[in-house]
N, C-alpha and C. Protein backbone atom coordinates (compact mmCIF):
# COMPACT_ATOMS: atom_id res chain seq x y z
N MET A 1 313.29 242.47 68.17
CA MET A 1 312.15 242.51 69.08
C MET A 1 312.50 241.73 70.35
N ARG A 2 312.12 242.27 71.48
CA ARG A 2 312.37 241.61 72.77
C ARG A 2 311.06 241.06 73.32
N ALA A 3 311.13 239.85 73.88
CA ALA A 3 309.94 239.22 74.43
C ALA A 3 310.11 239.01 75.93
N VAL A 4 309.02 239.23 76.64
CA VAL A 4 308.97 238.94 78.07
C VAL A 4 307.98 237.79 78.26
N ILE A 5 308.45 236.71 78.86
CA ILE A 5 307.62 235.54 79.09
C ILE A 5 307.32 235.45 80.58
N LEU A 6 306.05 235.40 80.92
CA LEU A 6 305.62 235.34 82.32
C LEU A 6 305.52 233.88 82.74
N ALA A 7 306.48 233.45 83.56
CA ALA A 7 306.60 232.03 83.87
C ALA A 7 306.75 231.78 85.37
N GLY A 8 306.12 232.62 86.19
CA GLY A 8 306.32 232.51 87.62
C GLY A 8 305.23 231.82 88.41
N GLY A 9 304.14 231.45 87.74
CA GLY A 9 303.00 230.88 88.45
C GLY A 9 303.24 229.48 88.98
N LYS A 10 302.37 229.06 89.92
CA LYS A 10 302.51 227.75 90.54
C LYS A 10 301.84 226.63 89.76
N GLY A 11 300.98 226.96 88.78
CA GLY A 11 300.34 225.92 87.99
C GLY A 11 299.48 224.98 88.82
N VAL A 12 298.68 225.56 89.73
CA VAL A 12 297.94 224.73 90.69
C VAL A 12 296.94 223.81 90.00
N ARG A 13 296.39 224.20 88.86
CA ARG A 13 295.40 223.34 88.19
C ARG A 13 296.05 222.14 87.50
N LEU A 14 297.38 222.15 87.43
CA LEU A 14 298.08 221.01 86.83
C LEU A 14 298.71 220.10 87.89
N ARG A 15 298.37 220.32 89.14
CA ARG A 15 298.83 219.40 90.17
C ARG A 15 298.18 218.03 90.00
N PRO A 16 298.86 216.95 90.29
CA PRO A 16 300.13 216.85 91.03
C PRO A 16 301.39 217.04 90.19
N LEU A 17 301.26 217.24 88.86
CA LEU A 17 302.44 217.34 88.01
C LEU A 17 303.35 218.48 88.44
N THR A 18 302.74 219.59 88.90
CA THR A 18 303.52 220.78 89.20
C THR A 18 303.98 220.87 90.66
N TYR A 19 303.79 219.83 91.41
CA TYR A 19 304.32 219.85 92.78
C TYR A 19 305.85 219.92 92.75
N THR A 20 306.46 219.28 91.77
CA THR A 20 307.92 219.26 91.70
C THR A 20 308.47 219.96 90.46
N ILE A 21 307.67 220.04 89.41
CA ILE A 21 308.13 220.65 88.16
C ILE A 21 307.30 221.89 87.88
N PRO A 22 307.91 223.05 87.63
CA PRO A 22 307.12 224.23 87.28
C PRO A 22 306.45 224.03 85.92
N LYS A 23 305.28 224.60 85.77
CA LYS A 23 304.50 224.40 84.54
C LYS A 23 305.31 224.66 83.27
N PRO A 24 306.12 225.73 83.19
CA PRO A 24 306.85 225.98 81.94
C PRO A 24 307.80 224.86 81.53
N LEU A 25 308.16 223.98 82.47
CA LEU A 25 309.05 222.86 82.14
C LEU A 25 308.31 221.56 81.86
N LEU A 26 306.99 221.55 81.98
CA LEU A 26 306.24 220.34 81.62
C LEU A 26 306.38 220.08 80.13
N PRO A 27 306.56 218.82 79.74
CA PRO A 27 306.82 218.54 78.33
C PRO A 27 305.55 218.55 77.48
N VAL A 28 305.69 219.09 76.29
CA VAL A 28 304.70 218.94 75.23
C VAL A 28 305.46 218.36 74.04
N GLY A 29 305.22 217.09 73.78
CA GLY A 29 306.07 216.42 72.81
C GLY A 29 307.44 216.19 73.43
N GLU A 30 308.49 216.59 72.72
CA GLU A 30 309.85 216.35 73.19
C GLU A 30 310.47 217.55 73.90
N LYS A 31 309.71 218.65 74.02
CA LYS A 31 310.27 219.87 74.61
C LYS A 31 309.37 220.37 75.74
N PRO A 32 309.95 221.11 76.67
CA PRO A 32 309.11 221.80 77.65
C PRO A 32 308.26 222.87 76.98
N ILE A 33 307.16 223.23 77.61
CA ILE A 33 306.26 224.25 77.07
C ILE A 33 307.04 225.52 76.73
N LEU A 34 307.88 225.98 77.66
CA LEU A 34 308.57 227.25 77.47
C LEU A 34 309.55 227.19 76.30
N GLU A 35 310.20 226.07 76.11
CA GLU A 35 311.10 225.94 74.97
C GLU A 35 310.34 225.98 73.66
N GLU A 36 309.17 225.35 73.63
CA GLU A 36 308.33 225.39 72.42
C GLU A 36 307.93 226.82 72.11
N ILE A 37 307.59 227.60 73.14
CA ILE A 37 307.23 229.01 72.93
C ILE A 37 308.40 229.78 72.34
N ILE A 38 309.59 229.60 72.91
CA ILE A 38 310.78 230.30 72.41
C ILE A 38 311.05 229.94 70.96
N GLU A 39 310.96 228.67 70.63
CA GLU A 39 311.22 228.24 69.26
C GLU A 39 310.20 228.82 68.29
N ARG A 40 308.97 229.01 68.74
CA ARG A 40 307.94 229.58 67.86
C ARG A 40 308.13 231.08 67.66
N LEU A 41 308.79 231.74 68.60
CA LEU A 41 309.01 233.18 68.47
C LEU A 41 310.25 233.52 67.65
N LYS A 42 311.20 232.63 67.59
CA LYS A 42 312.45 232.92 66.88
C LYS A 42 312.26 233.29 65.41
N PRO A 43 311.36 232.63 64.66
CA PRO A 43 311.19 233.01 63.26
C PRO A 43 310.72 234.46 63.05
N PHE A 44 310.20 235.09 64.09
CA PHE A 44 309.77 236.49 63.99
C PHE A 44 310.88 237.45 64.40
N GLY A 45 312.09 236.94 64.52
CA GLY A 45 313.22 237.79 64.85
C GLY A 45 313.42 238.03 66.32
N VAL A 46 312.71 237.30 67.17
CA VAL A 46 312.87 237.47 68.61
C VAL A 46 314.10 236.67 69.05
N ARG A 47 315.09 237.39 69.54
CA ARG A 47 316.31 236.75 70.01
C ARG A 47 316.65 237.11 71.46
N ASP A 48 316.03 238.17 71.96
CA ASP A 48 316.26 238.60 73.34
C ASP A 48 315.02 238.32 74.17
N PHE A 49 315.21 237.55 75.23
CA PHE A 49 314.10 237.16 76.09
C PHE A 49 314.37 237.59 77.53
N VAL A 50 313.32 238.04 78.18
CA VAL A 50 313.32 238.21 79.63
C VAL A 50 312.27 237.24 80.16
N ILE A 51 312.68 236.36 81.04
CA ILE A 51 311.75 235.39 81.61
C ILE A 51 311.52 235.76 83.06
N ALA A 52 310.25 236.02 83.40
CA ALA A 52 309.87 236.33 84.78
C ALA A 52 309.57 235.02 85.48
N VAL A 53 310.35 234.71 86.50
CA VAL A 53 310.23 233.43 87.19
C VAL A 53 309.88 233.67 88.65
N GLY A 54 309.33 232.64 89.26
CA GLY A 54 308.97 232.69 90.67
C GLY A 54 309.01 231.30 91.26
N TYR A 55 307.92 230.56 91.09
CA TYR A 55 307.83 229.20 91.61
C TYR A 55 308.86 228.30 90.93
N ARG A 56 309.65 227.61 91.70
CA ARG A 56 310.69 226.71 91.19
C ARG A 56 311.59 227.40 90.17
N ALA A 57 311.91 228.65 90.47
CA ALA A 57 312.69 229.46 89.53
C ALA A 57 314.02 228.82 89.18
N GLU A 58 314.68 228.21 90.17
CA GLU A 58 316.01 227.66 89.95
C GLU A 58 316.01 226.57 88.89
N LEU A 59 314.91 225.82 88.78
CA LEU A 59 314.84 224.76 87.77
C LEU A 59 314.76 225.35 86.36
N ILE A 60 313.98 226.40 86.20
CA ILE A 60 313.87 227.06 84.89
C ILE A 60 315.20 227.70 84.51
N GLU A 61 315.83 228.38 85.46
CA GLU A 61 317.10 229.04 85.18
C GLU A 61 318.20 228.02 84.86
N THR A 62 318.18 226.89 85.54
CA THR A 62 319.18 225.85 85.28
C THR A 62 318.98 225.23 83.90
N TYR A 63 317.73 225.03 83.52
CA TYR A 63 317.45 224.40 82.22
C TYR A 63 317.83 225.32 81.06
N PHE A 64 317.41 226.57 81.12
CA PHE A 64 317.60 227.47 79.97
C PHE A 64 318.90 228.26 80.03
N ARG A 65 319.48 228.42 81.22
CA ARG A 65 320.72 229.17 81.42
C ARG A 65 320.64 230.53 80.69
N ASP A 66 321.64 230.88 79.89
CA ASP A 66 321.63 232.18 79.22
C ASP A 66 320.98 232.12 77.84
N GLY A 67 320.45 230.93 77.47
CA GLY A 67 319.76 230.77 76.20
C GLY A 67 320.64 230.46 75.01
N SER A 68 321.95 230.44 75.20
CA SER A 68 322.85 230.26 74.05
C SER A 68 322.65 228.93 73.35
N GLN A 69 322.23 227.89 74.10
CA GLN A 69 322.01 226.60 73.46
C GLN A 69 320.82 226.62 72.52
N LEU A 70 319.95 227.63 72.65
CA LEU A 70 318.81 227.81 71.75
C LEU A 70 319.06 228.94 70.76
N ASP A 71 320.27 229.47 70.76
CA ASP A 71 320.64 230.58 69.89
C ASP A 71 319.82 231.84 70.18
N VAL A 72 319.56 232.07 71.48
CA VAL A 72 318.89 233.29 71.92
C VAL A 72 319.63 233.80 73.17
N ARG A 73 319.24 234.98 73.63
CA ARG A 73 319.80 235.53 74.86
C ARG A 73 318.68 235.65 75.89
N ILE A 74 318.89 235.09 77.07
CA ILE A 74 317.86 235.08 78.10
C ILE A 74 318.39 235.79 79.35
N GLU A 75 317.57 236.70 79.86
CA GLU A 75 317.79 237.29 81.17
C GLU A 75 316.58 236.95 82.04
N TYR A 76 316.76 237.01 83.34
CA TYR A 76 315.70 236.61 84.27
C TYR A 76 315.40 237.73 85.25
N VAL A 77 314.13 237.84 85.61
CA VAL A 77 313.74 238.60 86.79
C VAL A 77 312.97 237.63 87.67
N ARG A 78 313.25 237.71 88.98
CA ARG A 78 312.68 236.72 89.89
C ARG A 78 311.78 237.38 90.91
N GLU A 79 310.55 236.86 91.02
CA GLU A 79 309.61 237.33 92.04
C GLU A 79 309.94 236.67 93.37
N SER A 80 310.01 237.47 94.43
CA SER A 80 310.18 236.91 95.77
C SER A 80 308.83 236.51 96.36
N HIS A 81 307.76 237.06 95.79
CA HIS A 81 306.40 236.68 96.16
C HIS A 81 305.53 236.97 94.95
N PRO A 82 304.33 236.37 94.86
CA PRO A 82 303.51 236.53 93.66
C PRO A 82 303.19 238.00 93.36
N LEU A 83 303.41 238.40 92.09
CA LEU A 83 303.20 239.78 91.67
C LEU A 83 302.11 239.92 90.60
N GLY A 84 301.40 238.81 90.31
CA GLY A 84 300.37 238.89 89.28
C GLY A 84 300.98 238.81 87.89
N THR A 85 300.17 239.10 86.87
CA THR A 85 300.62 238.96 85.49
C THR A 85 301.30 240.21 84.94
N ALA A 86 301.12 241.36 85.59
CA ALA A 86 301.79 242.58 85.15
C ALA A 86 302.88 243.03 86.11
N GLY A 87 302.74 242.69 87.40
CA GLY A 87 303.70 243.12 88.41
C GLY A 87 305.15 242.78 88.08
N PRO A 88 305.45 241.59 87.53
CA PRO A 88 306.85 241.27 87.22
C PRO A 88 307.49 242.22 86.22
N LEU A 89 306.70 242.90 85.40
CA LEU A 89 307.27 243.83 84.43
C LEU A 89 307.97 245.00 85.12
N ALA A 90 307.51 245.35 86.32
CA ALA A 90 308.19 246.41 87.07
C ALA A 90 309.61 246.01 87.43
N LEU A 91 309.83 244.72 87.66
CA LEU A 91 311.18 244.24 87.98
C LEU A 91 312.12 244.39 86.80
N ALA A 92 311.58 244.43 85.60
CA ALA A 92 312.40 244.44 84.39
C ALA A 92 312.54 245.82 83.76
N ARG A 93 311.96 246.84 84.38
CA ARG A 93 311.96 248.17 83.75
C ARG A 93 313.35 248.63 83.33
N SER A 94 314.33 248.41 84.20
CA SER A 94 315.68 248.90 83.90
C SER A 94 316.29 248.23 82.66
N LEU A 95 315.80 247.04 82.31
CA LEU A 95 316.34 246.33 81.15
C LEU A 95 315.92 246.96 79.84
N PHE A 96 314.89 247.81 79.89
CA PHE A 96 314.36 248.36 78.65
C PHE A 96 314.73 249.83 78.45
N GLU A 97 315.55 250.38 79.34
CA GLU A 97 315.86 251.80 79.28
C GLU A 97 316.67 252.17 78.04
N GLU A 98 317.47 251.24 77.52
CA GLU A 98 318.29 251.55 76.36
C GLU A 98 317.48 251.63 75.08
N SER A 99 316.29 251.02 75.07
CA SER A 99 315.44 251.04 73.85
C SER A 99 314.03 251.45 74.24
N PRO A 100 313.83 252.71 74.65
CA PRO A 100 312.53 253.13 75.19
C PRO A 100 311.41 253.16 74.15
N ASP A 101 311.77 253.14 72.86
CA ASP A 101 310.73 253.20 71.82
C ASP A 101 310.42 251.83 71.22
N GLU A 102 311.15 250.82 71.63
CA GLU A 102 310.95 249.48 71.07
C GLU A 102 309.86 248.75 71.83
N PRO A 103 308.80 248.30 71.13
CA PRO A 103 307.73 247.59 71.83
C PRO A 103 308.20 246.25 72.37
N LEU A 104 307.60 245.85 73.46
CA LEU A 104 307.87 244.56 74.07
C LEU A 104 306.75 243.60 73.72
N LEU A 105 307.12 242.39 73.37
CA LEU A 105 306.13 241.33 73.19
C LEU A 105 306.04 240.59 74.52
N VAL A 106 304.89 240.64 75.16
CA VAL A 106 304.71 240.04 76.47
C VAL A 106 303.65 238.94 76.36
N MET A 107 303.95 237.77 76.90
CA MET A 107 302.95 236.70 76.83
C MET A 107 303.09 235.77 78.01
N ASN A 108 301.99 235.13 78.33
CA ASN A 108 301.98 234.12 79.38
C ASN A 108 302.81 232.92 78.95
N GLY A 109 303.45 232.29 79.92
CA GLY A 109 304.35 231.18 79.60
C GLY A 109 303.68 229.84 79.47
N ASP A 110 302.40 229.83 79.12
CA ASP A 110 301.69 228.56 78.95
C ASP A 110 300.84 228.55 77.68
N ILE A 111 301.22 229.38 76.70
CA ILE A 111 300.38 229.55 75.51
C ILE A 111 301.10 229.03 74.28
N LEU A 112 300.40 228.18 73.52
CA LEU A 112 300.87 227.76 72.21
C LEU A 112 299.96 228.39 71.17
N THR A 113 300.55 229.07 70.22
CA THR A 113 299.75 229.78 69.22
C THR A 113 300.53 229.92 67.92
N ASP A 114 299.80 230.07 66.82
CA ASP A 114 300.44 230.38 65.54
C ASP A 114 300.19 231.83 65.14
N LEU A 115 299.85 232.68 66.11
CA LEU A 115 299.68 234.11 65.85
C LEU A 115 300.93 234.66 65.18
N ASP A 116 300.73 235.42 64.09
CA ASP A 116 301.84 236.08 63.40
C ASP A 116 302.27 237.28 64.24
N MET A 117 303.35 237.13 65.00
CA MET A 117 303.78 238.18 65.91
C MET A 117 304.25 239.42 65.17
N GLY A 118 304.78 239.24 63.96
CA GLY A 118 305.19 240.38 63.18
C GLY A 118 304.03 241.28 62.82
N LEU A 119 302.93 240.69 62.35
CA LEU A 119 301.74 241.47 62.02
C LEU A 119 301.12 242.09 63.26
N PHE A 120 301.18 241.36 64.36
CA PHE A 120 300.63 241.86 65.63
C PHE A 120 301.37 243.12 66.08
N VAL A 121 302.68 243.08 66.08
CA VAL A 121 303.46 244.23 66.52
C VAL A 121 303.33 245.37 65.51
N GLU A 122 303.25 245.04 64.23
CA GLU A 122 303.06 246.08 63.21
C GLU A 122 301.75 246.82 63.43
N PHE A 123 300.69 246.10 63.76
CA PHE A 123 299.40 246.72 64.07
C PHE A 123 299.53 247.65 65.28
N HIS A 124 300.23 247.18 66.29
CA HIS A 124 300.45 247.96 67.51
C HIS A 124 301.16 249.27 67.20
N GLU A 125 302.21 249.20 66.41
CA GLU A 125 303.00 250.40 66.10
C GLU A 125 302.23 251.34 65.18
N ARG A 126 301.53 250.79 64.23
CA ARG A 126 300.78 251.62 63.29
C ARG A 126 299.68 252.40 63.99
N GLY A 127 299.08 251.79 65.05
CA GLY A 127 298.02 252.46 65.77
C GLY A 127 298.49 253.40 66.87
N ASN A 128 299.83 253.47 67.06
CA ASN A 128 300.40 254.30 68.13
C ASN A 128 299.79 253.98 69.50
N TYR A 129 299.60 252.70 69.74
CA TYR A 129 299.07 252.28 71.03
C TYR A 129 300.20 252.13 72.04
N GLU A 130 299.89 252.36 73.30
CA GLU A 130 300.87 252.07 74.34
C GLU A 130 300.80 250.60 74.74
N LEU A 131 299.63 250.02 74.57
CA LEU A 131 299.46 248.59 74.85
C LEU A 131 298.42 248.04 73.89
N THR A 132 298.72 246.91 73.32
CA THR A 132 297.76 246.22 72.44
C THR A 132 297.54 244.81 72.96
N VAL A 133 296.28 244.42 73.06
CA VAL A 133 295.91 243.09 73.54
C VAL A 133 295.53 242.22 72.35
N ALA A 134 296.14 241.06 72.23
CA ALA A 134 295.68 240.08 71.25
C ALA A 134 294.40 239.46 71.79
N THR A 135 293.38 239.38 70.93
CA THR A 135 292.07 238.93 71.40
C THR A 135 291.55 237.75 70.59
N ARG A 136 290.65 237.02 71.22
CA ARG A 136 289.99 235.87 70.61
C ARG A 136 288.50 235.95 70.88
N LYS A 137 287.73 235.28 70.03
CA LYS A 137 286.33 235.06 70.34
C LYS A 137 286.22 233.83 71.24
N PHE A 138 285.36 233.93 72.23
CA PHE A 138 285.17 232.81 73.15
C PHE A 138 283.69 232.60 73.38
N GLU A 139 283.23 231.38 73.10
CA GLU A 139 281.81 231.07 73.24
C GLU A 139 281.60 230.30 74.53
N LEU A 140 280.69 230.79 75.34
CA LEU A 140 280.34 230.14 76.61
C LEU A 140 278.89 229.72 76.55
N GLN A 141 278.64 228.43 76.66
CA GLN A 141 277.27 227.93 76.59
C GLN A 141 276.68 227.84 77.99
N HIS A 142 275.53 228.47 78.16
CA HIS A 142 274.84 228.44 79.44
C HIS A 142 274.32 227.02 79.69
N PRO A 143 274.50 226.48 80.88
CA PRO A 143 274.09 225.09 81.11
C PRO A 143 272.60 224.91 81.38
N TYR A 144 271.84 226.02 81.45
CA TYR A 144 270.42 225.92 81.80
C TYR A 144 269.56 226.68 80.79
N GLY A 145 268.27 226.40 80.87
CA GLY A 145 267.32 227.20 80.11
C GLY A 145 267.21 228.59 80.73
N VAL A 146 267.28 229.63 79.92
CA VAL A 146 267.25 231.00 80.41
C VAL A 146 265.86 231.60 80.15
N LEU A 147 265.25 232.05 81.22
CA LEU A 147 263.90 232.60 81.12
C LEU A 147 263.91 234.05 80.66
N GLN A 148 262.91 234.39 79.86
CA GLN A 148 262.65 235.78 79.50
C GLN A 148 261.41 236.21 80.28
N LEU A 149 261.54 237.28 81.04
CA LEU A 149 260.49 237.66 81.97
C LEU A 149 259.99 239.08 81.73
N ASP A 150 258.72 239.26 81.99
CA ASP A 150 258.10 240.58 82.09
C ASP A 150 257.48 240.64 83.48
N GLY A 151 258.28 241.12 84.46
CA GLY A 151 257.83 241.01 85.84
C GLY A 151 257.79 239.54 86.22
N PRO A 152 256.67 239.09 86.83
CA PRO A 152 256.56 237.68 87.20
C PRO A 152 256.09 236.79 86.06
N ARG A 153 255.80 237.39 84.91
CA ARG A 153 255.25 236.63 83.79
C ARG A 153 256.36 236.15 82.85
N VAL A 154 256.32 234.86 82.51
CA VAL A 154 257.29 234.29 81.59
C VAL A 154 256.84 234.58 80.16
N THR A 155 257.72 235.20 79.37
CA THR A 155 257.41 235.50 77.97
C THR A 155 258.14 234.58 77.01
N GLY A 156 259.04 233.80 77.54
CA GLY A 156 259.76 232.86 76.68
C GLY A 156 260.87 232.19 77.46
N ILE A 157 261.44 231.18 76.84
CA ILE A 157 262.59 230.49 77.42
C ILE A 157 263.51 230.06 76.30
N VAL A 158 264.79 230.28 76.51
CA VAL A 158 265.81 229.88 75.54
C VAL A 158 266.64 228.78 76.18
N GLU A 159 266.67 227.62 75.57
CA GLU A 159 267.36 226.48 76.15
C GLU A 159 268.87 226.56 75.90
N LYS A 160 269.62 226.66 76.95
CA LYS A 160 271.09 226.62 76.92
C LYS A 160 271.68 227.54 75.85
N PRO A 161 271.40 228.83 75.93
CA PRO A 161 271.93 229.74 74.91
C PRO A 161 273.45 229.88 75.01
N ALA A 162 274.08 230.23 73.90
CA ALA A 162 275.51 230.48 73.86
C ALA A 162 275.74 231.99 73.84
N VAL A 163 276.73 232.41 74.61
CA VAL A 163 277.11 233.82 74.67
C VAL A 163 278.52 233.96 74.10
N MET A 164 278.68 234.89 73.16
CA MET A 164 279.98 235.10 72.53
C MET A 164 280.62 236.36 73.09
N ASP A 165 281.85 236.24 73.54
CA ASP A 165 282.59 237.38 74.07
C ASP A 165 283.94 237.48 73.38
N ILE A 166 284.54 238.66 73.47
CA ILE A 166 285.90 238.87 73.03
C ILE A 166 286.79 238.84 74.27
N VAL A 167 287.78 237.95 74.29
CA VAL A 167 288.60 237.76 75.48
C VAL A 167 290.08 237.99 75.15
N SER A 168 290.84 238.24 76.19
CA SER A 168 292.28 238.39 76.04
C SER A 168 292.91 237.03 75.77
N ALA A 169 293.87 237.01 74.85
CA ALA A 169 294.58 235.77 74.54
C ALA A 169 295.85 235.63 75.37
N GLY A 170 296.11 236.56 76.28
CA GLY A 170 297.31 236.48 77.11
C GLY A 170 298.58 236.85 76.37
N ILE A 171 298.44 237.63 75.29
CA ILE A 171 299.58 238.08 74.49
C ILE A 171 299.43 239.59 74.30
N TYR A 172 300.52 240.34 74.53
CA TYR A 172 300.43 241.79 74.53
C TYR A 172 301.65 242.40 73.83
N ALA A 173 301.43 243.52 73.17
CA ALA A 173 302.53 244.37 72.72
C ALA A 173 302.47 245.62 73.59
N ILE A 174 303.58 245.96 74.23
CA ILE A 174 303.58 247.03 75.22
C ILE A 174 304.77 247.96 75.00
N GLN A 175 304.50 249.25 74.99
CA GLN A 175 305.59 250.23 74.99
C GLN A 175 306.18 250.32 76.40
N PRO A 176 307.50 250.43 76.52
CA PRO A 176 308.10 250.57 77.85
C PRO A 176 307.51 251.72 78.65
N SER A 177 307.02 252.76 77.97
CA SER A 177 306.43 253.91 78.68
C SER A 177 305.20 253.51 79.48
N ALA A 178 304.52 252.43 79.06
CA ALA A 178 303.31 252.01 79.77
C ALA A 178 303.62 251.36 81.11
N LEU A 179 304.87 250.97 81.32
CA LEU A 179 305.23 250.27 82.55
C LEU A 179 305.29 251.20 83.75
N ASP A 180 305.22 252.53 83.49
CA ASP A 180 305.34 253.46 84.61
C ASP A 180 304.14 253.43 85.55
N VAL A 181 303.02 252.82 85.12
CA VAL A 181 301.85 252.77 85.99
C VAL A 181 301.84 251.52 86.88
N ILE A 182 302.80 250.63 86.68
CA ILE A 182 302.86 249.41 87.48
C ILE A 182 303.58 249.71 88.79
N PRO A 183 302.94 249.44 89.93
CA PRO A 183 303.61 249.72 91.21
C PRO A 183 304.75 248.75 91.47
N ASN A 184 305.71 249.20 92.23
CA ASN A 184 306.85 248.35 92.58
C ASN A 184 306.46 247.35 93.66
N ASP A 185 306.88 246.09 93.45
CA ASP A 185 306.77 245.05 94.47
C ASP A 185 305.34 244.86 94.98
N SER A 186 304.36 245.00 94.08
CA SER A 186 302.96 244.84 94.45
C SER A 186 302.26 243.95 93.43
N PHE A 187 301.26 243.23 93.91
CA PHE A 187 300.47 242.39 93.02
C PHE A 187 299.69 243.28 92.05
N PHE A 188 299.85 243.02 90.75
CA PHE A 188 299.23 243.86 89.73
C PHE A 188 299.03 243.00 88.49
N ASP A 189 297.78 242.81 88.09
CA ASP A 189 297.47 241.96 86.94
C ASP A 189 297.37 242.78 85.66
N MET A 190 297.40 242.08 84.52
CA MET A 190 297.25 242.74 83.24
C MET A 190 295.95 243.53 83.12
N PRO A 191 294.80 243.01 83.61
CA PRO A 191 293.60 243.85 83.58
C PRO A 191 293.77 245.14 84.36
N ASP A 192 294.53 245.11 85.46
CA ASP A 192 294.81 246.34 86.20
C ASP A 192 295.59 247.32 85.34
N LEU A 193 296.57 246.82 84.61
CA LEU A 193 297.38 247.68 83.73
C LEU A 193 296.53 248.27 82.62
N VAL A 194 295.72 247.44 81.98
CA VAL A 194 294.85 247.94 80.91
C VAL A 194 293.89 249.00 81.44
N ASN A 195 293.24 248.70 82.55
CA ASN A 195 292.25 249.63 83.09
C ASN A 195 292.89 250.95 83.53
N GLU A 196 294.10 250.88 84.08
CA GLU A 196 294.77 252.11 84.51
C GLU A 196 295.17 252.97 83.31
N LEU A 197 295.66 252.34 82.26
CA LEU A 197 296.02 253.10 81.05
C LEU A 197 294.78 253.75 80.44
N VAL A 198 293.69 252.99 80.36
CA VAL A 198 292.44 253.53 79.82
C VAL A 198 291.95 254.70 80.67
N ALA A 199 292.02 254.54 82.00
CA ALA A 199 291.56 255.60 82.90
C ALA A 199 292.37 256.89 82.71
N GLN A 200 293.63 256.74 82.33
CA GLN A 200 294.48 257.90 82.11
C GLN A 200 294.36 258.45 80.69
N GLY A 201 293.49 257.85 79.89
CA GLY A 201 293.29 258.34 78.53
C GLY A 201 294.38 257.94 77.56
N ARG A 202 295.15 256.91 77.91
CA ARG A 202 296.23 256.45 77.05
C ARG A 202 295.73 255.34 76.13
N ALA A 203 296.31 255.24 74.96
CA ALA A 203 295.75 254.42 73.88
C ALA A 203 296.03 252.93 74.10
N VAL A 204 294.95 252.15 74.13
CA VAL A 204 295.02 250.69 74.25
C VAL A 204 294.27 250.10 73.06
N GLY A 205 294.93 249.19 72.34
CA GLY A 205 294.32 248.60 71.16
C GLY A 205 293.97 247.14 71.34
N ALA A 206 293.14 246.63 70.43
CA ALA A 206 292.76 245.22 70.42
C ALA A 206 293.03 244.66 69.03
N TYR A 207 293.74 243.55 68.99
CA TYR A 207 294.09 242.90 67.73
C TYR A 207 293.46 241.52 67.73
N HIS A 208 292.44 241.34 66.90
CA HIS A 208 291.74 240.05 66.88
C HIS A 208 292.40 239.10 65.90
N PHE A 209 292.53 237.85 66.30
CA PHE A 209 293.09 236.86 65.40
C PHE A 209 292.35 235.54 65.57
N VAL A 210 292.44 234.73 64.52
CA VAL A 210 291.93 233.36 64.55
C VAL A 210 293.11 232.44 64.25
N GLY A 211 292.93 231.18 64.50
CA GLY A 211 294.02 230.24 64.28
C GLY A 211 294.30 229.48 65.55
N GLU A 212 295.47 228.84 65.58
CA GLU A 212 295.82 227.99 66.71
C GLU A 212 296.07 228.83 67.96
N TRP A 213 295.47 228.43 69.04
CA TRP A 213 295.69 229.08 70.33
C TRP A 213 295.24 228.12 71.42
N LEU A 214 296.16 227.82 72.32
CA LEU A 214 295.85 226.92 73.42
C LEU A 214 296.57 227.39 74.67
N ALA A 215 295.81 227.72 75.69
CA ALA A 215 296.38 228.04 77.00
C ALA A 215 296.38 226.76 77.82
N ILE A 216 297.56 226.36 78.27
CA ILE A 216 297.71 225.08 78.96
C ILE A 216 297.52 225.30 80.45
N ASP A 217 296.33 224.99 80.92
CA ASP A 217 295.98 225.27 82.31
C ASP A 217 295.48 224.04 83.06
N ARG A 218 295.21 222.96 82.30
CA ARG A 218 294.71 221.73 82.91
C ARG A 218 295.41 220.54 82.25
N ILE A 219 295.30 219.38 82.87
CA ILE A 219 295.98 218.21 82.34
C ILE A 219 295.46 217.84 80.95
N ASP A 220 294.15 217.98 80.73
CA ASP A 220 293.62 217.65 79.41
C ASP A 220 294.15 218.60 78.34
N GLN A 221 294.40 219.87 78.71
CA GLN A 221 294.97 220.82 77.76
C GLN A 221 296.43 220.50 77.48
N LEU A 222 297.14 220.00 78.49
CA LEU A 222 298.52 219.56 78.27
C LEU A 222 298.54 218.40 77.28
N GLU A 223 297.59 217.51 77.41
CA GLU A 223 297.49 216.39 76.47
C GLU A 223 297.13 216.88 75.07
N ASP A 224 296.24 217.87 74.98
CA ASP A 224 295.90 218.46 73.69
C ASP A 224 297.12 219.09 73.04
N ALA A 225 297.92 219.79 73.85
CA ALA A 225 299.13 220.44 73.32
C ALA A 225 300.11 219.41 72.76
N ALA A 226 300.27 218.29 73.48
CA ALA A 226 301.16 217.23 73.00
C ALA A 226 300.66 216.67 71.67
N ARG A 227 299.34 216.53 71.54
CA ARG A 227 298.78 216.02 70.28
C ARG A 227 299.01 217.01 69.14
N ILE A 228 298.81 218.31 69.41
CA ILE A 228 299.02 219.34 68.38
C ILE A 228 300.47 219.35 67.91
N ILE A 229 301.40 219.25 68.87
CA ILE A 229 302.83 219.22 68.52
C ILE A 229 303.14 218.00 67.67
N ALA A 230 302.59 216.84 68.05
CA ALA A 230 302.84 215.61 67.29
C ALA A 230 302.32 215.73 65.87
N GLU A 231 301.13 216.32 65.70
CA GLU A 231 300.57 216.51 64.37
C GLU A 231 301.38 217.49 63.55
N ARG A 232 301.91 218.52 64.20
CA ARG A 232 302.70 219.53 63.48
C ARG A 232 304.01 218.93 62.97
N HIS A 233 304.61 218.07 63.77
CA HIS A 233 305.92 217.51 63.41
C HIS A 233 305.84 216.09 62.83
N GLY A 234 304.61 215.58 62.75
CA GLY A 234 304.46 214.21 62.28
C GLY A 234 304.54 214.06 60.77
């Protein structure tokens, strides 16, 4: 199985840490975030990686080189300007031509999870989907009392209700055939890719999972990740 890690963002919410260090190289425990992701994917047979880099790309490429020190193989595609979360996949299309039927595991380069990638990809293949989104439940609590109205008349009020949604976990299984809808050298996000495939009547699946999942987007989340790693290895 081949994995594509999206690691080109500027990590603006983690500033000032990311002024000099790209987010994927920020440490969680004794390893950078991106190294922890690679190590978690290896038990599922992932040995070939494509890392999409942009901001401070040279630092990531210098640290990981060809991946041999981690017993994996790493290739890079580099954004010359921001391409969103799906746009970098267009840069890598030629790398997947030799295995057009092999699904790609694509994930954001700031996610720590214990998702069973083998079961995830098996679900994707069994459903004959062109793209499958790993999903989570996410509860958002409203900070105010919400009024129930009949015209100008108040019929009730619910204090700070919680709304439950199904959200993307930033992890995808994608057939190389789905990459043909991504424009070249243009900003294109994963929601754009999903919506375009759906609009064309192509099969998109959702795989719900529970368990460990943390997207590292703020300093407090970086601290949470370090604590989780310490507990796992402690």
